[in-house]
Amino acid sequence: MQAKDRIILALDVDSEAEALGFVGRLAPFVGAFKVGMQLFNSTGPSIVNKINELGGRVFVDLKFHDIPNTVAAAGRVMTRLNCHMFNVHAAGGRVMLENVASSVKEEADRLGQASPIILAVTVLTSIGQSELENEMLISGLQVEEVVVKWALMAKNAGIQGVVCSPREITAIRSACGNDFKIVTPGIRPAWSEKNDQVRITTPADALKMGADYMVIGRPILKAADPVKAVKMIIEEMEEL
């Protein structure tokens, strides 16, 4: 995989025009564009088609979590939209994961196209040990242990990868093998400002730890020259 293909640009903007402006400039230099709740809910699902038409691939980041039939139906919709990736919550359970995996394959086969990569979200990065025990009522396990157990459950249910924080990459890679996709957010190039991140992980760090893809937003979106910023990130990864 080329270094540029590992970069997922987070389109954390409200405006379709602003989002498509970034896609038009950066589609040749990044692997995919992440459309999260902010942009998807502002513009609707047509944004996926418009990004595809401009030559970009789309990671739809809506974190589906519902009863199995509902999530399976949502997976069929994502397949018809021809997105590159989308995600679901592992906390929805094995049956939910199995249903969405099988439904997506059936829909892709019916359409004669490749299936999108389905990613499981394990424990949100906003959840610490205290919240895990006192609010989610999971006791006797550390956060990393829950993350790895849910990642393994997702893999066994037919899900192709996970979204996880940098600190969990190594454990998941060890448990789930080299073919399991790992997408990690919170990445900051070595030259960028930390913003509100106390500890940063650089693209090179994430690559060395075993990540396949890294989600990067502000260091590119807020750069004076976004194309130059992406090229610097690519250079940083290619130095390994």
Protein backbone atom coordinates (compact mmCIF):
# COMPACT_ATOMS: atom_id res chain seq x y z
CA MET A 1 0.00 0.00 0.00
CA GLN A 2 1.34 3.44 -0.90
CA ALA A 3 1.77 5.98 1.90
CA LYS A 4 -0.92 8.27 0.46
CA ASP A 5 -3.47 5.43 0.53
CA ARG A 6 -3.11 5.22 4.32
CA ILE A 7 -4.32 8.80 4.85
CA ILE A 8 -8.01 9.35 5.59
CA LEU A 9 -8.88 13.04 5.64
CA ALA A 10 -11.59 13.89 8.18
CA LEU A 11 -14.01 16.29 6.48
CA ASP A 12 -15.18 17.82 9.75
CA VAL A 13 -17.02 20.72 8.13
CA ASP A 14 -20.69 21.70 7.81
CA SER A 15 -20.78 22.88 4.22
CA GLU A 16 -21.01 20.67 1.15
CA ALA A 17 -19.19 23.31 -0.87
CA GLU A 18 -16.29 23.42 1.60
CA ALA A 19 -16.10 19.63 1.77
CA LEU A 20 -16.12 19.19 -1.99
CA GLY A 21 -13.55 21.94 -2.34
CA PHE A 22 -11.13 19.88 -0.23
CA VAL A 23 -12.00 16.73 -2.18
CA GLY A 24 -11.35 18.43 -5.51
CA ARG A 25 -7.90 19.54 -4.38
CA LEU A 26 -6.83 16.51 -2.37
CA ALA A 27 -8.37 13.40 -3.99
CA PRO A 28 -5.10 12.57 -5.82
CA PHE A 29 -3.11 12.78 -2.58
CA VAL A 30 -5.13 10.89 0.05
CA GLY A 31 -6.63 7.42 0.29
CA ALA A 32 -10.12 8.36 1.48
CA PHE A 33 -12.30 11.07 2.99
CA LYS A 34 -14.12 10.57 6.28
CA VAL A 35 -17.71 11.79 6.34
CA GLY A 36 -18.92 11.87 9.92
CA MET A 37 -22.15 12.88 11.59
CA GLN A 38 -21.46 16.60 11.22
CA LEU A 39 -21.17 16.59 7.42
CA PHE A 40 -23.55 13.68 6.72
CA ASN A 41 -26.33 15.26 8.79
CA SER A 42 -25.72 18.67 7.20
CA THR A 43 -25.80 17.48 3.60
CA GLY A 44 -27.45 14.05 3.47
CA PRO A 45 -26.23 10.85 1.84
CA SER A 46 -25.73 12.48 -1.56
CA ILE A 47 -22.39 13.76 -0.29
CA VAL A 48 -20.99 10.23 -0.68
CA ASN A 49 -21.91 10.10 -4.37
CA LYS A 50 -20.49 13.57 -4.98
CA ILE A 51 -17.15 12.66 -3.39
CA ASN A 52 -17.03 9.46 -5.44
CA GLU A 53 -17.71 11.46 -8.62
CA LEU A 54 -14.70 13.66 -7.84
CA GLY A 55 -12.45 10.61 -7.59
CA GLY A 56 -12.41 10.26 -3.80
CA ARG A 57 -13.26 7.23 -1.69
CA VAL A 58 -15.45 7.63 1.38
CA PHE A 59 -15.33 6.33 4.93
CA VAL A 60 -18.83 6.90 6.34
CA ASP A 61 -18.32 7.37 10.08
CA LEU A 62 -21.82 7.03 11.59
CA LYS A 63 -21.10 4.23 14.10
CA PHE A 64 -24.31 2.24 13.65
CA HIS A 65 -25.60 0.65 16.88
CA ASP A 66 -29.11 -0.79 16.91
CA ILE A 67 -30.96 -4.09 16.72
CA PRO A 68 -29.46 -6.53 14.17
CA ASN A 69 -32.09 -6.07 11.45
CA THR A 70 -31.82 -2.28 11.55
CA VAL A 71 -28.03 -2.25 11.32
CA ALA A 72 -28.11 -4.86 8.55
CA ALA A 73 -30.49 -2.60 6.59
CA ALA A 74 -28.19 0.37 7.17
CA GLY A 75 -25.29 -1.71 5.87
CA ARG A 76 -27.21 -2.40 2.68
CA VAL A 77 -27.75 1.34 2.25
CA MET A 78 -24.02 1.99 2.74
CA THR A 79 -23.27 -0.65 0.11
CA ARG A 80 -25.67 0.96 -2.38
CA LEU A 81 -23.97 4.30 -1.73
CA ASN A 82 -20.72 2.59 -2.79
CA CYS A 83 -18.76 3.88 0.16
CA HIS A 84 -15.26 2.49 0.73
CA MET A 85 -15.69 1.94 4.49
CA PHE A 86 -18.27 2.39 7.22
CA ASN A 87 -18.37 1.56 10.91
CA VAL A 88 -20.59 -0.01 13.54
CA HIS A 89 -20.38 -0.31 17.32
CA ALA A 90 -18.95 -3.63 18.51
CA ALA A 91 -21.09 -3.15 21.64
CA GLY A 92 -24.11 -4.05 19.49
CA GLY A 93 -23.07 -7.68 19.91
CA ARG A 94 -22.11 -10.67 17.80
CA VAL A 95 -25.49 -11.18 16.11
CA MET A 96 -25.64 -7.56 15.01
CA LEU A 97 -22.10 -7.79 13.62
CA GLU A 98 -22.79 -11.07 11.81
CA ASN A 99 -26.01 -9.72 10.29
CA VAL A 100 -24.45 -6.57 8.92
CA ALA A 101 -21.45 -8.47 7.54
CA SER A 102 -23.64 -11.00 5.70
CA SER A 103 -26.13 -8.38 4.48
CA VAL A 104 -23.37 -6.19 3.04
CA LYS A 105 -21.86 -9.13 1.16
CA GLU A 106 -25.26 -10.14 -0.23
CA GLU A 107 -26.00 -6.58 -1.37
CA ALA A 108 -22.56 -6.15 -2.95
CA ASP A 109 -22.91 -9.47 -4.78
CA ARG A 110 -26.36 -8.45 -6.02
CA LEU A 111 -24.95 -5.18 -7.35
CA GLY A 112 -21.82 -6.80 -8.77
CA GLN A 113 -19.47 -4.51 -6.85
CA ALA A 114 -16.89 -4.79 -4.11
CA SER A 115 -18.13 -4.84 -0.52
CA PRO A 116 -17.24 -1.84 1.64
CA ILE A 117 -14.82 -2.49 4.49
CA ILE A 118 -16.79 -2.73 7.73
CA LEU A 119 -15.01 -1.46 10.83
CA ALA A 120 -15.99 -2.03 14.45
CA VAL A 121 -15.72 0.73 17.02
CA THR A 122 -14.77 -0.83 20.36
CA VAL A 123 -14.49 1.41 23.43
CA LEU A 124 -14.76 5.10 22.59
CA THR A 125 -11.62 7.08 23.34
CA SER A 126 -13.69 9.29 25.67
CA ILE A 127 -14.31 6.29 27.95
CA GLY A 128 -11.71 5.76 30.66
CA GLN A 129 -11.43 3.08 33.31
CA SER A 130 -13.78 4.88 35.69
CA GLU A 131 -16.53 5.27 33.06
CA LEU A 132 -16.07 1.67 31.95
CA GLU A 133 -16.70 0.39 35.46
CA ASN A 134 -19.17 2.92 36.89
CA GLU A 135 -21.23 3.91 33.85
CA MET A 136 -20.93 1.01 31.40
CA LEU A 137 -20.89 -1.43 34.35
CA ILE A 138 -18.01 -3.53 32.97
CA SER A 139 -15.90 -4.52 35.95
CA GLY A 140 -12.85 -6.72 36.35
CA LEU A 141 -11.34 -5.78 32.99
CA GLN A 142 -9.06 -2.98 31.87
CA VAL A 143 -10.11 -0.83 28.91
CA GLU A 144 -7.49 -2.42 26.65
CA GLU A 145 -8.73 -5.91 27.54
CA VAL A 146 -12.29 -4.99 26.55
CA VAL A 147 -11.04 -3.42 23.32
CA VAL A 148 -9.13 -6.57 22.34
CA LYS A 149 -12.00 -8.91 23.27
CA TRP A 150 -14.47 -6.87 21.23
CA ALA A 151 -12.03 -6.66 18.30
CA LEU A 152 -11.70 -10.45 18.30
CA MET A 153 -15.48 -10.84 18.51
CA ALA A 154 -15.85 -8.51 15.53
CA LYS A 155 -13.27 -10.40 13.50
CA ASN A 156 -14.96 -13.73 14.25
CA ALA A 157 -18.30 -12.22 13.19
CA GLY A 158 -16.93 -11.32 9.75
CA ILE A 159 -15.97 -7.68 10.35
CA GLN A 160 -12.78 -6.69 8.54
CA GLY A 161 -11.23 -4.25 11.00
CA VAL A 162 -11.54 -1.76 13.84
CA VAL A 163 -11.22 1.88 14.64
CA CYS A 164 -9.03 2.25 17.73
CA SER A 165 -6.82 4.71 19.56
CA PRO A 166 -3.07 4.56 18.92
CA ARG A 167 -2.42 3.04 22.36
CA GLU A 168 -4.37 -0.10 21.41
CA ILE A 169 -2.88 -0.76 17.97
CA THR A 170 -0.16 -3.17 19.11
CA ALA A 171 -2.48 -5.30 21.26
CA ILE A 172 -5.10 -5.57 18.52
CA ARG A 173 -2.55 -6.38 15.84
CA SER A 174 -1.12 -9.12 18.05
CA ALA A 175 -4.55 -10.61 18.81
CA CYS A 176 -6.21 -10.27 15.40
CA GLY A 177 -3.39 -10.80 12.91
CA ASN A 178 -1.92 -8.90 9.99
CA ASP A 179 -4.97 -9.08 7.70
CA PHE A 180 -7.25 -7.28 10.17
CA LYS A 181 -7.57 -3.60 9.26
CA ILE A 182 -6.71 -1.00 11.89
CA VAL A 183 -7.81 2.62 11.49
CA THR A 184 -6.59 5.06 14.10
CA PRO A 185 -7.74 8.67 14.70
CA GLY A 186 -6.01 11.39 16.69
CA ILE A 187 -2.96 11.50 14.43
CA ARG A 188 -0.82 14.63 14.32
CA PRO A 189 2.21 15.06 12.05
CA ALA A 190 5.45 15.82 13.87
CA TRP A 191 5.42 19.40 12.53
CA SER A 192 1.83 20.27 13.46
CA GLU A 193 0.43 22.02 16.51
CA LYS A 194 -0.90 19.74 19.23
CA ASN A 195 -4.21 21.65 19.46
CA ASP A 196 -6.14 20.05 22.33
CA GLN A 197 -4.15 16.82 22.25
CA VAL A 198 -1.87 16.38 25.27
CA ARG A 199 -0.03 13.43 23.75
CA ILE A 200 0.19 13.10 19.99
CA THR A 201 0.92 10.14 17.77
CA THR A 202 2.58 10.96 14.45
CA PRO A 203 1.80 9.14 11.18
CA ALA A 204 5.22 7.48 11.36
CA ASP A 205 4.52 6.34 14.94
CA ALA A 206 1.16 4.85 13.95
CA LEU A 207 2.70 3.06 11.00
CA LYS A 208 5.45 1.56 13.14
CA MET A 209 2.89 0.36 15.70
CA GLY A 210 0.93 -1.47 12.99
CA ALA A 211 -1.88 0.83 11.85
CA ASP A 212 -3.14 0.43 8.29
CA TYR A 213 -4.90 3.78 8.02
CA MET A 214 -4.76 7.02 9.95
CA VAL A 215 -7.45 9.68 10.23
CA ILE A 216 -6.07 13.21 10.02
CA GLY A 217 -8.15 16.38 10.10
CA ARG A 218 -7.04 19.78 11.35
CA PRO A 219 -3.36 19.59 10.35
CA ILE A 220 -4.56 19.38 6.74
CA LEU A 221 -7.86 21.31 6.83
CA LYS A 222 -6.34 24.27 8.68
CA ALA A 223 -3.06 24.37 6.76
CA ALA A 224 -2.28 27.41 4.63
CA ASP A 225 -1.55 24.96 1.81
CA PRO A 226 -3.45 21.66 2.34
CA VAL A 227 -1.75 19.94 -0.61
CA LYS A 228 1.69 20.78 0.77
CA ALA A 229 0.61 19.55 4.22
CA VAL A 230 -0.47 16.18 2.79
CA LYS A 231 2.77 15.83 0.84
CA MET A 232 4.74 16.49 4.04
CA ILE A 233 2.78 13.75 5.82
CA ILE A 234 3.49 11.34 2.96
CA GLU A 235 7.19 12.18 3.14
CA GLU A 236 7.17 11.58 6.88
CA MET A 237 5.76 8.07 6.36
CA GLU A 238 8.03 7.25 3.43
CA GLU A 239 11.11 7.94 5.53
CA LEU A 240 10.51 4.70 7.47
